[in-house]
Amino acid sequence: MAQYWALTKPRVTQLAVFCAVIGMFLATPDLPDWRIVVAATIGIWLLAGAAFAVNCLVEREIDARMARTARRASAQGEIHPAQILIFSGVIGGLGMWVLYTMVNPLTMWLTLITFVGYAVIYTIILKPATPQNIVIGGLSGAMPPALGWAAIANDVPMQAWLLVLIIFIWTPPHFWALAMYRRDDYAKSGLPMLPITHGPELTRLHIWLYTIALFATTMLPYAVHMSGLIYLVSAVILGLIFLWYAWRIYRRYDDVLARKTFAFSIIYLSLLFAALLVDHYIKL
């Protein structure tokens, strides 16, 4: 059971589902129906886990070559590919049923499209084909707020897509910080990651430029009157810290700094979306 649980990449799934739940609360001026929140959370979690299981299945040989992923049951052959495929199909199908019957068809279809985008378009097509894989494929990972919003409102307005845009811009500096200090591992994988194909200097520049773009993007919710001062102050403070990390990586790189930047990027996104939630109910 622990091995199957690990296939769903629970830590990554938790962050995605957290952003989806924030989208649910932001979709209504009042508290959302708790029954829909629970059902949507379960359904999105199940489909996200199914997508990550397919990712482990497709990349099992690549994972076996990398120290970071070599201990996965899929990489070691402890779980047969057919078992992974059945497991993914079962939890993915269950997730679709929950979303369709207990939430609404729009959320089910959007989540299914996200599943296909990550498990097929990103994992199978983009990741082995281009060093911009994480940028193009990042849209799938950025979708959770829109899924959560659709669950409550049965609609995906501009405000929801702003949240998607924030995660979309956040993904490259977040991932490339990891790829920098794991570059030897990725070199063994054979995947065309940016630090391997274009060198660390260009990757450091990309991290810096994307972090600047992220800072500007996080100002948009306040600019369109979607949020107030609590969010604005939080976004500025968190953004300045992220910019400081990115600037230091750009000017004077070391692996320890890249690790800290990667860790902070996760904290950054969690606190940013938490600030949106607090601001939604406490207007200043």
C-alpha atoms as a PDB file:
ATOM      1  CA  MET A   1       0.000   0.000   0.000  1.00  0.00           C
ATOM      2  CA  ALA A   2       2.847   2.354   0.807  1.00  0.00           C
ATOM      3  CA  GLN A   3       4.356   1.750  -2.626  1.00  0.00           C
ATOM      4  CA  TYR A   4       1.085   2.478  -4.405  1.00  0.00           C
ATOM      5  CA  TRP A   5       0.630   5.597  -2.249  1.00  0.00           C
ATOM      6  CA  ALA A   6       4.121   6.767  -3.270  1.00  0.00           C
ATOM      7  CA  LEU A   7       3.172   6.423  -6.961  1.00  0.00           C
ATOM      8  CA  THR A   8       0.697   9.288  -6.491  1.00  0.00           C
ATOM      9  CA  LYS A   9       3.529  11.635  -5.385  1.00  0.00           C
ATOM     10  CA  PRO A  10       1.551  12.737  -2.308  1.00  0.00           C
ATOM     11  CA  ARG A  11       3.649  15.794  -1.441  1.00  0.00           C
ATOM     12  CA  VAL A  12       3.232  17.268  -4.920  1.00  0.00           C
ATOM     13  CA  THR A  13      -0.436  16.298  -4.957  1.00  0.00           C
ATOM     14  CA  GLN A  14      -1.018  18.033  -1.620  1.00  0.00           C
ATOM     15  CA  LEU A  15       0.198  21.372  -2.968  1.00  0.00           C
ATOM     16  CA  ALA A  16      -1.940  21.034  -6.106  1.00  0.00           C
ATOM     17  CA  VAL A  17      -5.048  20.128  -4.105  1.00  0.00           C
ATOM     18  CA  PHE A  18      -4.362  22.980  -1.655  1.00  0.00           C
ATOM     19  CA  CYS A  19      -4.400  25.454  -4.558  1.00  0.00           C
ATOM     20  CA  ALA A  20      -7.619  23.857  -5.847  1.00  0.00           C
ATOM     21  CA  VAL A  21      -9.272  24.265  -2.448  1.00  0.00           C
ATOM     22  CA  ILE A  22      -8.255  27.930  -2.350  1.00  0.00           C
ATOM     23  CA  GLY A  23      -9.922  28.302  -5.752  1.00  0.00           C
ATOM     24  CA  MET A  24     -13.113  26.812  -4.278  1.00  0.00           C
ATOM     25  CA  PHE A  25     -13.253  29.380  -1.487  1.00  0.00           C
ATOM     26  CA  LEU A  26     -12.425  32.295  -3.781  1.00  0.00           C
ATOM     27  CA  ALA A  27     -15.231  31.322  -6.173  1.00  0.00           C
ATOM     28  CA  THR A  28     -17.950  32.530  -3.785  1.00  0.00           C
ATOM     29  CA  PRO A  29     -18.307  35.559  -1.494  1.00  0.00           C
ATOM     30  CA  ASP A  30     -19.679  33.257   1.200  1.00  0.00           C
ATOM     31  CA  LEU A  31     -18.472  29.916   2.464  1.00  0.00           C
ATOM     32  CA  PRO A  32     -18.809  27.206  -0.208  1.00  0.00           C
ATOM     33  CA  ASP A  33     -20.976  24.142   0.307  1.00  0.00           C
ATOM     34  CA  TRP A  34     -18.783  21.838   2.392  1.00  0.00           C
ATOM     35  CA  ARG A  35     -20.158  18.739   0.635  1.00  0.00           C
ATOM     36  CA  ILE A  36     -19.000  20.020  -2.750  1.00  0.00           C
ATOM     37  CA  VAL A  37     -15.622  21.039  -1.276  1.00  0.00           C
ATOM     38  CA  VAL A  38     -15.080  17.535   0.102  1.00  0.00           C
ATOM     39  CA  ALA A  39     -16.234  15.788  -3.082  1.00  0.00           C
ATOM     40  CA  ALA A  40     -14.198  18.069  -5.366  1.00  0.00           C
ATOM     41  CA  THR A  41     -11.114  17.684  -3.192  1.00  0.00           C
ATOM     42  CA  ILE A  42     -11.390  13.880  -3.306  1.00  0.00           C
ATOM     43  CA  GLY A  43     -12.063  13.807  -7.043  1.00  0.00           C
ATOM     44  CA  ILE A  44      -9.224  16.181  -7.948  1.00  0.00           C
ATOM     45  CA  TRP A  45      -6.846  14.324  -5.599  1.00  0.00           C
ATOM     46  CA  LEU A  46      -7.691  10.971  -7.191  1.00  0.00           C
ATOM     47  CA  LEU A  47      -7.198  12.197 -10.769  1.00  0.00           C
ATOM     48  CA  ALA A  48      -3.978  14.002  -9.835  1.00  0.00           C
ATOM     49  CA  GLY A  49      -2.694  10.818  -8.202  1.00  0.00           C
ATOM     50  CA  ALA A  50      -3.636   8.832 -11.299  1.00  0.00           C
ATOM     51  CA  ALA A  51      -1.681  11.251 -13.504  1.00  0.00           C
ATOM     52  CA  PHE A  52       1.406  10.970 -11.299  1.00  0.00           C
ATOM     53  CA  ALA A  53       1.140   7.168 -11.341  1.00  0.00           C
ATOM     54  CA  VAL A  54       1.168   7.237 -15.156  1.00  0.00           C
ATOM     55  CA  ASN A  55       4.192   9.542 -14.960  1.00  0.00           C
ATOM     56  CA  CYS A  56       5.992   6.967 -12.794  1.00  0.00           C
ATOM     57  CA  LEU A  57       5.014   4.227 -15.248  1.00  0.00           C
ATOM     58  CA  VAL A  58       6.277   6.061 -18.340  1.00  0.00           C
ATOM     59  CA  GLU A  59       9.492   7.251 -16.686  1.00  0.00           C
ATOM     60  CA  ARG A  60      10.385   4.095 -14.741  1.00  0.00           C
ATOM     61  CA  GLU A  61      13.590   3.492 -16.760  1.00  0.00           C
ATOM     62  CA  ILE A  62      14.590   7.162 -16.487  1.00  0.00           C
ATOM     63  CA  ASP A  63      13.849   7.125 -12.742  1.00  0.00           C
ATOM     64  CA  ALA A  64      16.091   4.061 -12.325  1.00  0.00           C
ATOM     65  CA  ARG A  65      19.058   6.092 -13.612  1.00  0.00           C
ATOM     66  CA  MET A  66      18.546   8.993 -11.202  1.00  0.00           C
ATOM     67  CA  ALA A  67      19.528   8.903  -7.528  1.00  0.00           C
ATOM     68  CA  ARG A  68      16.522  11.050  -6.567  1.00  0.00           C
ATOM     69  CA  THR A  69      13.993   8.585  -8.003  1.00  0.00           C
ATOM     70  CA  ALA A  70      15.818   5.244  -8.156  1.00  0.00           C
ATOM     71  CA  ARG A  71      14.081   3.938  -5.033  1.00  0.00           C
ATOM     72  CA  ARG A  72      10.599   4.268  -6.479  1.00  0.00           C
ATOM     73  CA  ALA A  73       8.827   0.919  -6.675  1.00  0.00           C
ATOM     74  CA  SER A  74       8.168   1.509 -10.363  1.00  0.00           C
ATOM     75  CA  ALA A  75      11.864   2.154 -11.043  1.00  0.00           C
ATOM     76  CA  GLN A  76      12.943  -0.951  -9.113  1.00  0.00           C
ATOM     77  CA  GLY A  77      10.354  -3.144 -10.800  1.00  0.00           C
ATOM     78  CA  GLU A  78       8.641  -4.023  -7.510  1.00  0.00           C
ATOM     79  CA  ILE A  79       5.288  -3.049  -9.034  1.00  0.00           C
ATOM     80  CA  HIS A  80       4.570  -4.394 -12.531  1.00  0.00           C
ATOM     81  CA  PRO A  81       3.655  -1.851 -15.248  1.00  0.00           C
ATOM     82  CA  ALA A  82       0.262  -3.514 -15.707  1.00  0.00           C
ATOM     83  CA  GLN A  83      -0.441  -3.089 -11.998  1.00  0.00           C
ATOM     84  CA  ILE A  84       0.433   0.612 -12.178  1.00  0.00           C
ATOM     85  CA  LEU A  85      -1.806   1.060 -15.213  1.00  0.00           C
ATOM     86  CA  ILE A  86      -4.721  -0.683 -13.502  1.00  0.00           C
ATOM     87  CA  PHE A  87      -4.158   1.314 -10.310  1.00  0.00           C
ATOM     88  CA  SER A  88      -4.122   4.579 -12.256  1.00  0.00           C
ATOM     89  CA  GLY A  89      -7.235   3.597 -14.184  1.00  0.00           C
ATOM     90  CA  VAL A  90      -9.142   2.645 -11.036  1.00  0.00           C
ATOM     91  CA  ILE A  91      -8.395   5.772  -8.995  1.00  0.00           C
ATOM     92  CA  GLY A  92      -8.686   8.008 -12.071  1.00  0.00           C
ATOM     93  CA  GLY A  93     -12.038   6.506 -13.013  1.00  0.00           C
ATOM     94  CA  LEU A  94     -13.254   6.831  -9.434  1.00  0.00           C
ATOM     95  CA  GLY A  95     -12.150  10.463  -9.401  1.00  0.00           C
ATOM     96  CA  MET A  96     -14.054  11.169 -12.627  1.00  0.00           C
ATOM     97  CA  TRP A  97     -17.187   9.532 -11.202  1.00  0.00           C
ATOM     98  CA  VAL A  98     -16.978  11.578  -8.000  1.00  0.00           C
ATOM     99  CA  LEU A  99     -16.536  14.847  -9.895  1.00  0.00           C
ATOM    100  CA  TYR A 100     -19.276  14.111 -12.434  1.00  0.00           C
ATOM    101  CA  THR A 101     -21.922  12.894 -10.000  1.00  0.00           C
ATOM    102  CA  MET A 102     -21.150  14.902  -6.848  1.00  0.00           C
ATOM    103  CA  VAL A 103     -19.684  18.137  -8.247  1.00  0.00           C
ATOM    104  CA  ASN A 104     -20.458  19.008 -11.888  1.00  0.00           C
ATOM    105  CA  PRO A 105     -19.508  17.809 -15.395  1.00  0.00           C
ATOM    106  CA  LEU A 106     -17.416  20.942 -16.124  1.00  0.00           C
ATOM    107  CA  THR A 107     -15.026  20.163 -13.272  1.00  0.00           C
ATOM    108  CA  MET A 108     -14.776  16.537 -14.357  1.00  0.00           C
ATOM    109  CA  TRP A 109     -13.922  17.445 -17.967  1.00  0.00           C
ATOM    110  CA  LEU A 110     -11.418  20.144 -16.968  1.00  0.00           C
ATOM    111  CA  THR A 111      -9.707  17.741 -14.550  1.00  0.00           C
ATOM    112  CA  LEU A 112      -9.626  15.010 -17.195  1.00  0.00           C
ATOM    113  CA  ILE A 113      -8.068  17.449 -19.688  1.00  0.00           C
ATOM    114  CA  THR A 114      -5.490  18.328 -17.023  1.00  0.00           C
ATOM    115  CA  PHE A 115      -4.789  14.603 -16.532  1.00  0.00           C
ATOM    116  CA  VAL A 116      -4.207  14.135 -20.278  1.00  0.00           C
ATOM    117  CA  GLY A 117      -2.083  17.296 -20.414  1.00  0.00           C
ATOM    118  CA  TYR A 118       0.248  16.070 -17.676  1.00  0.00           C
ATOM    119  CA  ALA A 119       0.286  12.303 -18.186  1.00  0.00           C
ATOM    120  CA  VAL A 120       0.367  12.320 -21.995  1.00  0.00           C
ATOM    121  CA  ILE A 121       1.287  15.678 -23.520  1.00  0.00           C
ATOM    122  CA  TYR A 122       3.905  16.654 -20.919  1.00  0.00           C
ATOM    123  CA  THR A 123       5.273  13.281 -19.775  1.00  0.00           C
ATOM    124  CA  ILE A 124       5.272  11.381 -23.075  1.00  0.00           C
ATOM    125  CA  ILE A 125       5.598  14.108 -25.728  1.00  0.00           C
ATOM    126  CA  LEU A 126       7.159  17.299 -24.341  1.00  0.00           C
ATOM    127  CA  LYS A 127       9.513  16.160 -21.582  1.00  0.00           C
ATOM    128  CA  PRO A 128      11.826  14.074 -23.804  1.00  0.00           C
ATOM    129  CA  ALA A 129      11.568  16.494 -26.745  1.00  0.00           C
ATOM    130  CA  THR A 130      12.470  20.022 -25.605  1.00  0.00           C
ATOM    131  CA  PRO A 131      14.316  21.825 -22.788  1.00  0.00           C
ATOM    132  CA  GLN A 132      11.268  24.104 -22.585  1.00  0.00           C
ATOM    133  CA  ASN A 133       9.196  21.114 -21.465  1.00  0.00           C
ATOM    134  CA  ILE A 134       8.538  22.496 -17.987  1.00  0.00           C
ATOM    135  CA  VAL A 135       7.406  25.838 -19.420  1.00  0.00           C
ATOM    136  CA  ILE A 136       4.978  24.437 -22.000  1.00  0.00           C
ATOM    137  CA  GLY A 137       3.821  21.548 -19.858  1.00  0.00           C
ATOM    138  CA  GLY A 138       3.508  23.786 -16.809  1.00  0.00           C
ATOM    139  CA  LEU A 139      -0.043  24.688 -17.796  1.00  0.00           C
ATOM    140  CA  SER A 140      -1.278  21.301 -16.597  1.00  0.00           C
ATOM    141  CA  GLY A 141       0.309  21.787 -13.202  1.00  0.00           C
ATOM    142  CA  ALA A 142      -1.130  25.301 -13.010  1.00  0.00           C
ATOM    143  CA  MET A 143      -4.766  24.235 -13.466  1.00  0.00           C
ATOM    144  CA  PRO A 144      -5.834  23.334  -9.873  1.00  0.00           C
ATOM    145  CA  PRO A 145      -7.224  26.805  -8.953  1.00  0.00           C
ATOM    146  CA  ALA A 146      -9.416  26.745 -12.076  1.00  0.00           C
ATOM    147  CA  LEU A 147     -10.607  23.246 -11.208  1.00  0.00           C
ATOM    148  CA  GLY A 148     -11.530  24.336  -7.702  1.00  0.00           C
ATOM    149  CA  TRP A 149     -13.277  27.468  -8.981  1.00  0.00           C
ATOM    150  CA  ALA A 150     -15.282  25.422 -11.494  1.00  0.00           C
ATOM    151  CA  ALA A 151     -16.342  23.021  -8.751  1.00  0.00           C
ATOM    152  CA  ILE A 152     -18.153  25.769  -6.832  1.00  0.00           C
ATOM    153  CA  ALA A 153     -19.180  28.237  -9.547  1.00  0.00           C
ATOM    154  CA  ASN A 154     -19.630  25.836 -12.490  1.00  0.00           C
ATOM    155  CA  ASP A 155     -17.687  28.487 -14.409  1.00  0.00           C
ATOM    156  CA  VAL A 156     -14.069  29.570 -14.907  1.00  0.00           C
ATOM    157  CA  PRO A 157     -13.934  33.388 -15.041  1.00  0.00           C
ATOM    158  CA  MET A 158     -10.948  35.648 -15.577  1.00  0.00           C
ATOM    159  CA  GLN A 159     -10.078  35.676 -11.869  1.00  0.00           C
ATOM    160  CA  ALA A 160      -9.550  31.910 -11.881  1.00  0.00           C
ATOM    161  CA  TRP A 161      -7.264  32.137 -14.905  1.00  0.00           C
ATOM    162  CA  LEU A 162      -5.172  34.766 -13.082  1.00  0.00           C
ATOM    163  CA  LEU A 163      -4.451  32.171 -10.406  1.00  0.00           C
ATOM    164  CA  VAL A 164      -3.553  29.672 -13.117  1.00  0.00           C
ATOM    165  CA  LEU A 165      -1.204  32.250 -14.654  1.00  0.00           C
ATOM    166  CA  ILE A 166       0.566  32.782 -11.326  1.00  0.00           C
ATOM    167  CA  ILE A 167       1.335  29.059 -10.958  1.00  0.00           C
ATOM    168  CA  PHE A 168       2.273  28.836 -14.638  1.00  0.00           C
ATOM    169  CA  ILE A 169       4.911  31.583 -14.234  1.00  0.00           C
ATOM    170  CA  TRP A 170       6.026  30.186 -10.852  1.00  0.00           C
ATOM    171  CA  THR A 171       6.751  26.698 -12.215  1.00  0.00           C
ATOM    172  CA  PRO A 172       9.941  27.398 -14.261  1.00  0.00           C
ATOM    173  CA  PRO A 173      12.011  29.092 -11.504  1.00  0.00           C
ATOM    174  CA  HIS A 174      10.714  26.530  -9.008  1.00  0.00           C
ATOM    175  CA  PHE A 175      11.662  23.543 -11.156  1.00  0.00           C
ATOM    176  CA  TRP A 176      14.900  24.924 -12.600  1.00  0.00           C
ATOM    177  CA  ALA A 177      16.244  25.560  -9.097  1.00  0.00           C
ATOM    178  CA  LEU A 178      15.804  21.827  -8.521  1.00  0.00           C
ATOM    179  CA  ALA A 179      17.281  20.958 -11.919  1.00  0.00           C
ATOM    180  CA  MET A 180      20.369  23.075 -11.185  1.00  0.00           C
ATOM    181  CA  TYR A 181      21.439  21.261  -8.029  1.00  0.00           C
ATOM    182  CA  ARG A 182      20.332  17.934  -9.523  1.00  0.00           C
ATOM    183  CA  ARG A 183      21.979  18.579 -12.904  1.00  0.00           C
ATOM    184  CA  ASP A 184      24.298  15.556 -12.675  1.00  0.00           C
ATOM    185  CA  ASP A 185      21.262  13.385 -11.987  1.00  0.00           C
ATOM    186  CA  TYR A 186      19.381  14.840 -14.953  1.00  0.00           C
ATOM    187  CA  ALA A 187      22.433  14.366 -17.163  1.00  0.00           C
ATOM    188  CA  LYS A 188      22.167  10.629 -16.429  1.00  0.00           C
ATOM    189  CA  SER A 189      18.461  10.639 -17.223  1.00  0.00           C
ATOM    190  CA  GLY A 190      18.927  11.582 -20.861  1.00  0.00           C
ATOM    191  CA  LEU A 191      16.159  14.178 -20.655  1.00  0.00           C
ATOM    192  CA  PRO A 192      16.853  17.531 -22.389  1.00  0.00           C
ATOM    193  CA  MET A 193      16.691  19.714 -19.282  1.00  0.00           C
ATOM    194  CA  LEU A 194      17.753  23.333 -19.682  1.00  0.00           C
ATOM    195  CA  PRO A 195      20.851  23.180 -17.402  1.00  0.00           C
ATOM    196  CA  ILE A 196      22.101  20.233 -19.475  1.00  0.00           C
ATOM    197  CA  THR A 197      21.258  21.442 -22.985  1.00  0.00           C
ATOM    198  CA  HIS A 198      22.026  25.153 -22.604  1.00  0.00           C
ATOM    199  CA  GLY A 199      24.271  25.293 -19.552  1.00  0.00           C
ATOM    200  CA  PRO A 200      23.915  26.640 -16.009  1.00  0.00           C
ATOM    201  CA  GLU A 201      24.532  30.288 -16.917  1.00  0.00           C
ATOM    202  CA  LEU A 202      21.505  30.549 -19.198  1.00  0.00           C
ATOM    203  CA  THR A 203      19.395  28.611 -16.697  1.00  0.00           C
ATOM    204  CA  ARG A 204      20.351  31.034 -13.921  1.00  0.00           C
ATOM    205  CA  LEU A 205      19.341  33.936 -16.154  1.00  0.00           C
ATOM    206  CA  HIS A 206      16.011  32.254 -16.906  1.00  0.00           C
ATOM    207  CA  ILE A 207      15.355  31.752 -13.180  1.00  0.00           C
ATOM    208  CA  TRP A 208      16.001  35.451 -12.553  1.00  0.00           C
ATOM    209  CA  LEU A 209      13.841  36.663 -15.456  1.00  0.00           C
ATOM    210  CA  TYR A 210      10.934  34.344 -14.663  1.00  0.00           C
ATOM    211  CA  THR A 211      11.009  35.439 -11.024  1.00  0.00           C
ATOM    212  CA  ILE A 212      10.736  39.070 -12.141  1.00  0.00           C
ATOM    213  CA  ALA A 213       7.783  38.090 -14.332  1.00  0.00           C
ATOM    214  CA  LEU A 214       6.267  36.216 -11.385  1.00  0.00           C
ATOM    215  CA  PHE A 215       6.520  39.273  -9.147  1.00  0.00           C
ATOM    216  CA  ALA A 216       4.690  41.357 -11.749  1.00  0.00           C
ATOM    217  CA  THR A 217       2.055  38.659 -12.306  1.00  0.00           C
ATOM    218  CA  THR A 218       1.241  38.394  -8.608  1.00  0.00           C
ATOM    219  CA  MET A 219       0.288  42.085  -8.625  1.00  0.00           C
ATOM    220  CA  LEU A 220      -2.575  41.411 -11.059  1.00  0.00           C
ATOM    221  CA  PRO A 221      -5.167  40.179  -8.516  1.00  0.00           C
ATOM    222  CA  TYR A 222      -4.855  43.504  -6.698  1.00  0.00           C
ATOM    223  CA  ALA A 223      -4.797  45.483  -9.949  1.00  0.00           C
ATOM    224  CA  VAL A 224      -8.137  44.004 -11.080  1.00  0.00           C
ATOM    225  CA  HIS A 225      -9.685  44.474  -7.598  1.00  0.00           C
ATOM    226  CA  MET A 226      -9.826  40.745  -6.977  1.00  0.00           C
ATOM    227  CA  SER A 227      -7.913  41.157  -3.716  1.00  0.00           C
ATOM    228  CA  GLY A 228      -7.038  43.857  -1.189  1.00  0.00           C
ATOM    229  CA  LEU A 229      -4.169  45.138   0.910  1.00  0.00           C
ATOM    230  CA  ILE A 230      -3.569  41.940   2.891  1.00  0.00           C
ATOM    231  CA  TYR A 231      -2.809  40.066  -0.299  1.00  0.00           C
ATOM    232  CA  LEU A 232      -0.849  42.945  -1.835  1.00  0.00           C
ATOM    233  CA  VAL A 233       1.475  43.340   1.153  1.00  0.00           C
ATOM    234  CA  SER A 234       1.947  39.570   1.377  1.00  0.00           C
ATOM    235  CA  ALA A 235       2.666  39.257  -2.359  1.00  0.00           C
ATOM    236  CA  VAL A 236       5.214  42.089  -2.261  1.00  0.00           C
ATOM    237  CA  ILE A 237       7.068  40.683   0.758  1.00  0.00           C
ATOM    238  CA  LEU A 238       7.085  37.107  -0.533  1.00  0.00           C
ATOM    239  CA  GLY A 239       8.005  38.291  -4.020  1.00  0.00           C
ATOM    240  CA  LEU A 240      10.945  40.353  -2.777  1.00  0.00           C
ATOM    241  CA  ILE A 241      12.292  37.348  -0.870  1.00  0.00           C
ATOM    242  CA  PHE A 242      11.952  35.162  -3.977  1.00  0.00           C
ATOM    243  CA  LEU A 243      13.666  37.852  -6.069  1.00  0.00           C
ATOM    244  CA  TRP A 244      16.515  37.946  -3.565  1.00  0.00           C
ATOM    245  CA  TYR A 245      17.009  34.196  -3.871  1.00  0.00           C
ATOM    246  CA  ALA A 246      16.834  34.361  -7.683  1.00  0.00           C
ATOM    247  CA  TRP A 247      19.281  37.292  -7.847  1.00  0.00           C
ATOM    248  CA  ARG A 248      21.793  35.456  -5.680  1.00  0.00           C
ATOM    249  CA  ILE A 249      21.475  32.358  -7.890  1.00  0.00           C
ATOM    250  CA  TYR A 250      22.057  34.532 -10.955  1.00  0.00           C
ATOM    251  CA  ARG A 251      25.056  36.387  -9.542  1.00  0.00           C
ATOM    252  CA  ARG A 252      26.811  33.758  -7.434  1.00  0.00           C
ATOM    253  CA  TYR A 253      25.437  30.241  -7.744  1.00  0.00           C
ATOM    254  CA  ASP A 254      25.998  27.314  -5.409  1.00  0.00           C
ATOM    255  CA  ASP A 255      24.042  24.095  -4.870  1.00  0.00           C
ATOM    256  CA  VAL A 256      23.092  24.915  -1.279  1.00  0.00           C
ATOM    257  CA  LEU A 257      21.506  28.162  -2.414  1.00  0.00           C
ATOM    258  CA  ALA A 258      19.602  26.357  -5.175  1.00  0.00           C
ATOM    259  CA  ARG A 259      18.244  23.872  -2.622  1.00  0.00           C
ATOM    260  CA  LYS A 260      17.104  26.713  -0.388  1.00  0.00           C
ATOM    261  CA  THR A 261      15.503  28.478  -3.357  1.00  0.00           C
ATOM    262  CA  PHE A 262      13.605  25.341  -4.343  1.00  0.00           C
ATOM    263  CA  ALA A 263      12.388  24.834  -0.766  1.00  0.00           C
ATOM    264  CA  PHE A 264      11.354  28.477  -0.448  1.00  0.00           C
ATOM    265  CA  SER A 265       9.483  28.380  -3.757  1.00  0.00           C
ATOM    266  CA  ILE A 266       7.094  25.782  -2.280  1.00  0.00           C
ATOM    267  CA  ILE A 267       6.605  27.845   0.885  1.00  0.00           C
ATOM    268  CA  TYR A 268       6.167  30.938  -1.295  1.00  0.00           C
ATOM    269  CA  LEU A 269       3.284  29.498  -3.318  1.00  0.00           C
ATOM    270  CA  SER A 270       1.553  28.095  -0.236  1.00  0.00           C
ATOM    271  CA  LEU A 271       1.733  31.403   1.641  1.00  0.00           C
ATOM    272  CA  LEU A 272       0.731  33.418  -1.425  1.00  0.00           C
ATOM    273  CA  PHE A 273      -2.468  31.416  -1.887  1.00  0.00           C
ATOM    274  CA  ALA A 274      -3.130  31.427   1.862  1.00  0.00           C
ATOM    275  CA  ALA A 275      -2.883  35.234   1.732  1.00  0.00           C
ATOM    276  CA  LEU A 276      -5.473  35.252  -1.059  1.00  0.00           C
ATOM    277  CA  LEU A 277      -7.810  33.237   1.143  1.00  0.00           C
ATOM    278  CA  VAL A 278      -7.358  35.452   4.201  1.00  0.00           C
ATOM    279  CA  ASP A 279      -7.765  38.589   2.089  1.00  0.00           C
ATOM    280  CA  HIS A 280     -10.953  37.175   0.561  1.00  0.00           C
ATOM    281  CA  TYR A 281     -12.689  37.136   3.942  1.00  0.00           C
ATOM    282  CA  ILE A 282     -10.911  40.047   5.647  1.00  0.00           C
ATOM    283  CA  LYS A 283     -10.986  43.027   3.305  1.00  0.00           C
ATOM    284  CA  LEU A 284      -8.740  46.013   4.027  1.00  0.00           C
END
